[in-house]
C-alpha atoms as a PDB file:
ATOM      1  CA  MET A   1      86.817 -32.351 102.040  1.00  0.00           C
ATOM      2  CA  ASN A   2      83.978 -33.914  99.929  1.00  0.00           C
ATOM      3  CA  ASN A   3      85.532 -33.148  96.721  1.00  0.00           C
ATOM      4  CA  LEU A   4      88.546 -34.753  97.792  1.00  0.00           C
ATOM      5  CA  ASN A   5      86.670 -38.051  98.776  1.00  0.00           C
ATOM      6  CA  LYS A   6      84.941 -37.892  95.245  1.00  0.00           C
ATOM      7  CA  TRP A   7      88.301 -37.531  93.535  1.00  0.00           C
ATOM      8  CA  ILE A   8      89.803 -40.498  95.422  1.00  0.00           C
ATOM      9  CA  GLN A   9      86.783 -42.935  94.811  1.00  0.00           C
ATOM     10  CA  ASN A  10      86.939 -42.092  91.168  1.00  0.00           C
ATOM     11  CA  GLY A  11      90.304 -42.468  90.553  1.00  0.00           C
ATOM     12  CA  LEU A  12      90.571 -45.675  92.263  1.00  0.00           C
ATOM     13  CA  LEU A  13      87.240 -46.719  90.298  1.00  0.00           C
ATOM     14  CA  ALA A  14      89.379 -45.741  87.272  1.00  0.00           C
ATOM     15  CA  PHE A  15      92.168 -47.645  88.327  1.00  0.00           C
ATOM     16  CA  ILE A  16      90.079 -50.802  88.820  1.00  0.00           C
ATOM     17  CA  MET A  17      88.290 -50.511  85.809  1.00  0.00           C
ATOM     18  CA  THR A  18      91.745 -50.053  83.771  1.00  0.00           C
ATOM     19  CA  CYS A  19      93.316 -53.326  86.119  1.00  0.00           C
ATOM     20  CA  SER A  20      90.383 -55.023  84.671  1.00  0.00           C
ATOM     21  CA  ILE A  21      90.853 -54.618  81.251  1.00  0.00           C
ATOM     22  CA  THR A  22      94.248 -54.561  81.050  1.00  0.00           C
ATOM     23  CA  ALA A  23      94.568 -58.095  83.141  1.00  0.00           C
ATOM     24  CA  LEU A  24      92.004 -59.501  80.354  1.00  0.00           C
ATOM     25  CA  PHE A  25      94.425 -58.596  77.436  1.00  0.00           C
ATOM     26  CA  THR A  26      97.858 -59.456  79.573  1.00  0.00           C
ATOM     27  CA  PRO A  27      97.668 -63.071  78.677  1.00  0.00           C
ATOM     28  CA  THR A  28      96.397 -62.629  74.776  1.00  0.00           C
ATOM     29  CA  PRO A  29      98.585 -63.667  72.012  1.00  0.00           C
ATOM     30  CA  TYR A  30      98.819 -60.150  70.953  1.00  0.00           C
ATOM     31  CA  THR A  31     102.314 -58.698  70.969  1.00  0.00           C
ATOM     32  CA  TRP A  32     100.810 -55.018  71.252  1.00  0.00           C
ATOM     33  CA  THR A  33      99.775 -55.468  74.651  1.00  0.00           C
ATOM     34  CA  LYS A  34     102.621 -56.907  75.850  1.00  0.00           C
ATOM     35  CA  PHE A  35     104.535 -53.650  75.652  1.00  0.00           C
ATOM     36  CA  GLU A  36     105.844 -51.997  78.713  1.00  0.00           C
ATOM     37  CA  ILE A  37     106.778 -48.457  79.662  1.00  0.00           C
ATOM     38  CA  PHE A  38     108.751 -48.267  82.762  1.00  0.00           C
ATOM     39  CA  TYR A  39     107.072 -51.287  83.971  1.00  0.00           C
ATOM     40  CA  ILE A  40     103.575 -50.150  82.831  1.00  0.00           C
ATOM     41  CA  PRO A  41     101.697 -51.828  80.355  1.00  0.00           C
ATOM     42  CA  ILE A  42     100.880 -49.592  77.185  1.00  0.00           C
ATOM     43  CA  THR A  43      97.291 -50.716  77.496  1.00  0.00           C
ATOM     44  CA  PHE A  44      96.857 -49.176  81.114  1.00  0.00           C
ATOM     45  CA  ILE A  45      98.033 -45.978  79.959  1.00  0.00           C
ATOM     46  CA  PRO A  46      95.295 -44.741  77.711  1.00  0.00           C
ATOM     47  CA  LEU A  47      92.653 -46.771  79.192  1.00  0.00           C
ATOM     48  CA  PHE A  48      93.293 -45.009  82.406  1.00  0.00           C
ATOM     49  CA  PHE A  49      92.805 -41.606  81.042  1.00  0.00           C
ATOM     50  CA  LEU A  50      89.658 -43.210  79.244  1.00  0.00           C
ATOM     51  CA  THR A  51      87.971 -44.643  82.346  1.00  0.00           C
ATOM     52  CA  LEU A  52      88.520 -41.325  84.251  1.00  0.00           C
ATOM     53  CA  PHE A  53      85.629 -39.609  82.431  1.00  0.00           C
ATOM     54  CA  VAL A  54      83.497 -42.901  83.108  1.00  0.00           C
ATOM     55  CA  ALA A  55      84.138 -42.924  86.621  1.00  0.00           C
ATOM     56  CA  GLU A  56      81.724 -40.785  88.336  1.00  0.00           C
ATOM     57  CA  GLU A  57      78.914 -42.273  86.030  1.00  0.00           C
ATOM     58  CA  VAL A  58      79.580 -45.671  87.460  1.00  0.00           C
ATOM     59  CA  ARG A  59      79.841 -44.168  91.007  1.00  0.00           C
ATOM     60  CA  ASN A  60      76.396 -42.711  90.482  1.00  0.00           C
ATOM     61  CA  SER A  61      74.851 -45.836  89.423  1.00  0.00           C
ATOM     62  CA  PHE A  62      75.858 -47.729  91.872  1.00  0.00           C
ATOM     63  CA  LYS A  63      74.398 -45.329  94.319  1.00  0.00           C
ATOM     64  CA  LYS A  64      71.028 -45.331  92.137  1.00  0.00           C
ATOM     65  CA  VAL A  65      71.298 -49.310  92.131  1.00  0.00           C
ATOM     66  CA  PHE A  66      71.837 -49.669  95.924  1.00  0.00           C
ATOM     67  CA  LYS A  67      69.313 -46.406  96.689  1.00  0.00           C
ATOM     68  CA  PHE A  68      72.406 -44.939  99.036  1.00  0.00           C
ATOM     69  CA  ASP A  69      70.228 -41.347  99.256  1.00  0.00           C
ATOM     70  CA  LYS A  70      67.282 -42.940 100.647  1.00  0.00           C
ATOM     71  CA  ARG A  71      68.723 -45.121 103.348  1.00  0.00           C
ATOM     72  CA  LYS A  72      68.058 -43.575 106.907  1.00  0.00           C
ATOM     73  CA  ASP A  73      71.761 -44.836 107.718  1.00  0.00           C
ATOM     74  CA  GLN A  74      74.143 -44.401 105.424  1.00  0.00           C
ATOM     75  CA  ARG A  75      77.045 -45.600 106.890  1.00  0.00           C
ATOM     76  CA  PRO A  76      76.835 -49.300 106.356  1.00  0.00           C
ATOM     77  CA  ILE A  77      76.580 -49.181 102.554  1.00  0.00           C
ATOM     78  CA  TRP A  78      78.995 -46.569 102.751  1.00  0.00           C
ATOM     79  CA  GLN A  79      81.886 -48.715 104.246  1.00  0.00           C
ATOM     80  CA  VAL A  80      80.608 -51.840 101.968  1.00  0.00           C
ATOM     81  CA  GLY A  81      81.337 -49.474  98.854  1.00  0.00           C
ATOM     82  CA  VAL A  82      84.627 -47.965  99.894  1.00  0.00           C
ATOM     83  CA  GLY A  83      86.015 -51.268 101.261  1.00  0.00           C
ATOM     84  CA  MET A  84      85.235 -52.701  97.588  1.00  0.00           C
ATOM     85  CA  ILE A  85      87.318 -50.086  96.227  1.00  0.00           C
ATOM     86  CA  PHE A  86      89.742 -50.741  98.237  1.00  0.00           C
ATOM     87  CA  TYR A  87      89.728 -54.085  97.511  1.00  0.00           C
ATOM     88  CA  PHE A  88      89.619 -54.361  93.761  1.00  0.00           C
ATOM     89  CA  ALA A  89      92.055 -51.450  93.454  1.00  0.00           C
ATOM     90  CA  GLN A  90      94.767 -54.080  95.314  1.00  0.00           C
ATOM     91  CA  VAL A  91      93.550 -57.306  93.538  1.00  0.00           C
ATOM     92  CA  GLY A  92      93.882 -54.924  90.209  1.00  0.00           C
ATOM     93  CA  PHE A  93      97.143 -53.858  91.250  1.00  0.00           C
ATOM     94  CA  VAL A  94      98.657 -57.382  91.757  1.00  0.00           C
ATOM     95  CA  GLU A  95      96.829 -58.825  88.714  1.00  0.00           C
ATOM     96  CA  VAL A  96      98.690 -56.242  86.372  1.00  0.00           C
ATOM     97  CA  PHE A  97     101.874 -54.859  88.124  1.00  0.00           C
ATOM     98  CA  ALA A  98     102.730 -58.169  90.435  1.00  0.00           C
ATOM     99  CA  ARG A  99     101.504 -61.045  88.461  1.00  0.00           C
ATOM    100  CA  SER A 100     104.382 -62.906  90.709  1.00  0.00           C
ATOM    101  CA  PHE A 101     102.385 -62.596  93.861  1.00  0.00           C
ATOM    102  CA  MET A 102      99.467 -64.437  92.289  1.00  0.00           C
ATOM    103  CA  THR A 103     101.321 -67.656  92.641  1.00  0.00           C
ATOM    104  CA  TYR A 104     101.332 -68.060  96.876  1.00  0.00           C
ATOM    105  CA  ASN A 105      98.624 -69.973  97.964  1.00  0.00           C
ATOM    106  CA  LEU A 106      96.835 -70.323 101.366  1.00  0.00           C
ATOM    107  CA  GLY A 107      95.075 -73.397 101.934  1.00  0.00           C
ATOM    108  CA  GLY A 108      94.157 -73.278  98.436  1.00  0.00           C
ATOM    109  CA  MET A 109      93.290 -69.752  98.463  1.00  0.00           C
ATOM    110  CA  PRO A 110      95.573 -67.152  96.857  1.00  0.00           C
ATOM    111  CA  LEU A 111      97.197 -65.579  99.295  1.00  0.00           C
ATOM    112  CA  TYR A 112      96.868 -62.015  97.392  1.00  0.00           C
ATOM    113  CA  LEU A 113      93.217 -62.272  97.753  1.00  0.00           C
ATOM    114  CA  VAL A 114      93.254 -62.589 101.566  1.00  0.00           C
ATOM    115  CA  ILE A 115      95.888 -59.842 101.913  1.00  0.00           C
ATOM    116  CA  SER A 116      94.057 -57.771  99.960  1.00  0.00           C
ATOM    117  CA  PHE A 117      90.866 -58.233 102.343  1.00  0.00           C
ATOM    118  CA  LEU A 118      92.605 -57.612 105.194  1.00  0.00           C
ATOM    119  CA  ASN A 119      94.232 -54.487 103.869  1.00  0.00           C
ATOM    120  CA  ALA A 120      90.766 -53.281 102.422  1.00  0.00           C
ATOM    121  CA  PHE A 121      89.268 -53.633 105.911  1.00  0.00           C
ATOM    122  CA  LEU A 122      91.898 -51.331 107.757  1.00  0.00           C
ATOM    123  CA  ILE A 123      92.118 -48.896 105.098  1.00  0.00           C
ATOM    124  CA  THR A 124      88.088 -48.394 105.256  1.00  0.00           C
ATOM    125  CA  VAL A 125      88.220 -47.694 108.656  1.00  0.00           C
ATOM    126  CA  ILE A 126      91.112 -45.113 108.672  1.00  0.00           C
ATOM    127  CA  TYR A 127      89.453 -43.708 105.275  1.00  0.00           C
ATOM    128  CA  GLU A 128      86.100 -43.515 107.496  1.00  0.00           C
ATOM    129  CA  GLU A 129      87.510 -41.685 110.189  1.00  0.00           C
ATOM    130  CA  ILE A 130      88.908 -39.124 107.798  1.00  0.00           C
ATOM    131  CA  PHE A 131      85.811 -38.596 105.371  1.00  0.00           C
ATOM    132  CA  TYR A 132      82.687 -40.181 106.789  1.00  0.00           C
ATOM    133  CA  PRO A 133      80.998 -37.475 108.432  1.00  0.00           C
ATOM    134  CA  LYS A 134      80.451 -37.834 112.145  1.00  0.00           C
ATOM    135  CA  GLU A 135      77.215 -37.779 113.710  1.00  0.00           C
ATOM    136  CA  LYS A 136      76.211 -35.246 116.527  1.00  0.00           C
ATOM    137  CA  ARG A 137      76.295 -36.909 119.346  1.00  0.00           C
ATOM    138  CA  ILE A 138      73.646 -36.060 122.426  1.00  0.00           C
ATOM    139  CA  ILE A 139      74.839 -36.887 125.885  1.00  0.00           C
ATOM    140  CA  LYS A 140      71.752 -37.758 128.155  1.00  0.00           C
ATOM    141  CA  ARG A 141      72.141 -37.270 131.571  1.00  0.00           C
END
């Protein structure tokens, strides 16, 4: 189960990094960045495979920066990290694959950011129930 957790997080981190780079190249005047294969930008495909190799190191560096292993209660920082991964994966998806959703606003704030935040919260709660190790509960009588 721990390997599946790492695999999912690394895949989503690679997706986030690839979406960020692809979204940066999309508005440029270079025509080779506009080519698509089955609605997938041509720059996305090789970049995704490149970022898969880097994703584990990126995840581990964030753990070192936030001193994850040295914390007594690792749950709050775990939730923030996984929630951030889900949030930015959804934002990256909209920025690369569904740019038409970027036009809608909710009182001046882009609606895709609000919906991504709400979805990330719900997905984090569900993901935590599946992958976060349960603490042994001692019932005192």
